[in-house]
């Protein structure tokens, strides 16, 4: 652990192919969109400014 940084995750991410990285990004984006939709359903509105498309 250099400078208090664990490079294990960085090494893992760099071992992925570009396609695998894109798939992980899409999975994370899907999770965020689901969380936002759940928040809108629970609270009845989206508190974020209308900047990013859903």
N, C-alpha and C. Protein backbone atom coordinates (compact mmCIF):
# COMPACT_ATOMS: atom_id res chain seq x y z
N UNK A 1 0.85 -1.16 0.00
CA UNK A 1 0.00 0.00 0.00
C UNK A 1 0.91 1.24 0.00
N UNK A 2 1.08 1.84 -1.14
CA UNK A 2 1.92 3.02 -1.26
C UNK A 2 1.10 4.28 -1.05
N UNK A 3 1.59 5.16 -0.18
CA UNK A 3 0.92 6.44 0.09
C UNK A 3 -0.51 6.25 0.58
N UNK A 4 -0.80 5.13 1.22
CA UNK A 4 -2.13 4.88 1.75
C UNK A 4 -3.15 4.50 0.69
N UNK A 5 -2.69 4.13 -0.49
CA UNK A 5 -3.59 3.77 -1.59
C UNK A 5 -3.46 2.28 -1.87
N UNK A 6 -4.59 1.58 -1.86
CA UNK A 6 -4.61 0.16 -2.19
C UNK A 6 -4.73 0.04 -3.71
N UNK A 7 -3.70 -0.44 -4.35
CA UNK A 7 -3.67 -0.52 -5.80
C UNK A 7 -4.28 -1.81 -6.35
N UNK A 8 -4.83 -2.64 -5.46
CA UNK A 8 -5.41 -3.91 -5.89
C UNK A 8 -6.55 -3.68 -6.88
N UNK A 9 -7.47 -2.80 -6.54
CA UNK A 9 -8.61 -2.54 -7.42
C UNK A 9 -8.16 -1.90 -8.73
N UNK A 10 -7.21 -0.99 -8.65
CA UNK A 10 -6.69 -0.36 -9.87
C UNK A 10 -6.07 -1.41 -10.78
N UNK A 11 -5.28 -2.30 -10.22
CA UNK A 11 -4.68 -3.36 -11.02
C UNK A 11 -5.73 -4.25 -11.65
N UNK A 12 -6.77 -4.57 -10.88
CA UNK A 12 -7.86 -5.39 -11.42
C UNK A 12 -8.55 -4.68 -12.58
N UNK A 13 -8.88 -3.42 -12.39
CA UNK A 13 -9.59 -2.68 -13.44
C UNK A 13 -8.74 -2.55 -14.69
N UNK A 14 -7.44 -2.38 -14.51
CA UNK A 14 -6.56 -2.28 -15.68
C UNK A 14 -6.38 -3.63 -16.38
N UNK A 15 -6.70 -4.72 -15.69
CA UNK A 15 -6.60 -6.03 -16.32
C UNK A 15 -7.80 -6.34 -17.21
N UNK A 16 -8.86 -5.56 -17.07
CA UNK A 16 -10.06 -5.79 -17.87
C UNK A 16 -9.87 -5.30 -19.30
N UNK A 17 -10.56 -5.94 -20.21
CA UNK A 17 -10.55 -5.46 -21.59
C UNK A 17 -11.44 -4.23 -21.68
N UNK A 18 -11.29 -3.43 -22.72
CA UNK A 18 -12.17 -2.27 -22.88
C UNK A 18 -13.66 -2.66 -22.87
N UNK A 19 -14.00 -3.78 -23.49
CA UNK A 19 -15.40 -4.22 -23.50
C UNK A 19 -15.88 -4.56 -22.09
N UNK A 20 -15.03 -5.22 -21.30
CA UNK A 20 -15.39 -5.56 -19.92
C UNK A 20 -15.58 -4.29 -19.09
N UNK A 21 -14.74 -3.30 -19.33
CA UNK A 21 -14.88 -2.02 -18.61
C UNK A 21 -16.20 -1.35 -18.97
N UNK A 22 -16.55 -1.37 -20.25
CA UNK A 22 -17.83 -0.78 -20.67
C UNK A 22 -19.01 -1.51 -20.05
N UNK A 23 -18.92 -2.82 -19.97
CA UNK A 23 -20.00 -3.59 -19.35
C UNK A 23 -20.15 -3.24 -17.87
N UNK A 24 -19.02 -3.10 -17.16
CA UNK A 24 -19.07 -2.71 -15.75
C UNK A 24 -19.66 -1.31 -15.60
N UNK A 25 -19.31 -0.41 -16.50
CA UNK A 25 -19.86 0.94 -16.48
C UNK A 25 -21.37 0.89 -16.69
N UNK A 26 -21.81 0.11 -17.66
CA UNK A 26 -23.25 0.00 -17.93
C UNK A 26 -23.99 -0.59 -16.73
N UNK A 27 -23.38 -1.56 -16.06
CA UNK A 27 -24.02 -2.14 -14.87
C UNK A 27 -24.14 -1.10 -13.76
N UNK A 28 -23.10 -0.31 -13.57
CA UNK A 28 -23.13 0.73 -12.54
C UNK A 28 -24.17 1.79 -12.88
N UNK A 29 -24.24 2.17 -14.15
CA UNK A 29 -25.22 3.16 -14.59
C UNK A 29 -26.64 2.64 -14.39
N UNK A 30 -26.86 1.38 -14.68
CA UNK A 30 -28.17 0.76 -14.47
C UNK A 30 -28.55 0.80 -12.98
N UNK A 31 -27.59 0.52 -12.11
CA UNK A 31 -27.84 0.57 -10.67
C UNK A 31 -28.22 1.98 -10.23
N UNK A 32 -27.50 2.98 -10.70
CA UNK A 32 -27.78 4.37 -10.34
C UNK A 32 -29.17 4.78 -10.83
N UNK A 33 -29.49 4.41 -12.06
CA UNK A 33 -30.82 4.76 -12.59
C UNK A 33 -31.94 4.09 -11.79
N UNK A 34 -31.71 2.85 -11.36
CA UNK A 34 -32.71 2.16 -10.54
C UNK A 34 -32.85 2.84 -9.18
N UNK A 35 -31.75 3.26 -8.60
CA UNK A 35 -31.79 3.95 -7.31
C UNK A 35 -32.52 5.28 -7.43
N UNK A 36 -32.28 6.01 -8.51
CA UNK A 36 -32.98 7.28 -8.72
C UNK A 36 -34.47 7.06 -8.92
N UNK A 37 -34.81 6.03 -9.68
CA UNK A 37 -36.23 5.73 -9.90
C UNK A 37 -36.90 5.35 -8.58
N UNK A 38 -36.21 4.58 -7.74
CA UNK A 38 -36.76 4.20 -6.44
C UNK A 38 -36.94 5.44 -5.57
N UNK A 39 -36.01 6.37 -5.62
CA UNK A 39 -36.12 7.61 -4.86
C UNK A 39 -37.30 8.44 -5.33
N UNK A 40 -37.48 8.53 -6.65
CA UNK A 40 -38.64 9.27 -7.18
C UNK A 40 -39.94 8.63 -6.74
N UNK A 41 -39.98 7.29 -6.77
CA UNK A 41 -41.20 6.58 -6.36
C UNK A 41 -41.47 6.78 -4.87
N UNK A 42 -40.43 6.74 -4.07
CA UNK A 42 -40.59 6.86 -2.61
C UNK A 42 -40.96 8.29 -2.21
N UNK A 43 -40.23 9.28 -2.75
CA UNK A 43 -40.43 10.67 -2.34
C UNK A 43 -41.45 11.42 -3.21
N UNK A 44 -41.72 10.89 -4.39
CA UNK A 44 -42.68 11.54 -5.27
C UNK A 44 -42.09 12.61 -6.17
N UNK A 45 -40.78 12.81 -6.10
CA UNK A 45 -40.13 13.79 -6.98
C UNK A 45 -38.63 13.49 -7.03
N UNK A 46 -37.97 14.10 -7.98
CA UNK A 46 -36.52 13.96 -8.12
C UNK A 46 -35.89 15.29 -7.72
N UNK A 47 -35.13 15.33 -6.63
CA UNK A 47 -34.58 16.60 -6.16
C UNK A 47 -33.43 17.14 -7.01
N UNK A 48 -32.93 16.34 -7.92
CA UNK A 48 -31.81 16.80 -8.75
C UNK A 48 -32.29 17.78 -9.80
N UNK A 49 -31.44 18.72 -10.18
CA UNK A 49 -31.79 19.61 -11.30
C UNK A 49 -31.88 18.79 -12.59
N UNK A 50 -32.65 19.24 -13.51
CA UNK A 50 -32.83 18.51 -14.78
C UNK A 50 -31.62 18.72 -15.69
N UNK A 51 -30.51 18.05 -15.36
CA UNK A 51 -29.29 18.17 -16.15
C UNK A 51 -28.97 16.88 -16.89
N UNK A 52 -29.16 15.75 -16.25
CA UNK A 52 -28.74 14.49 -16.85
C UNK A 52 -29.97 13.69 -17.29
N UNK A 53 -29.89 13.10 -18.48
CA UNK A 53 -31.02 12.30 -18.96
C UNK A 53 -31.11 10.98 -18.22
N UNK A 54 -32.33 10.47 -18.07
CA UNK A 54 -32.55 9.16 -17.44
C UNK A 54 -32.94 8.14 -18.45
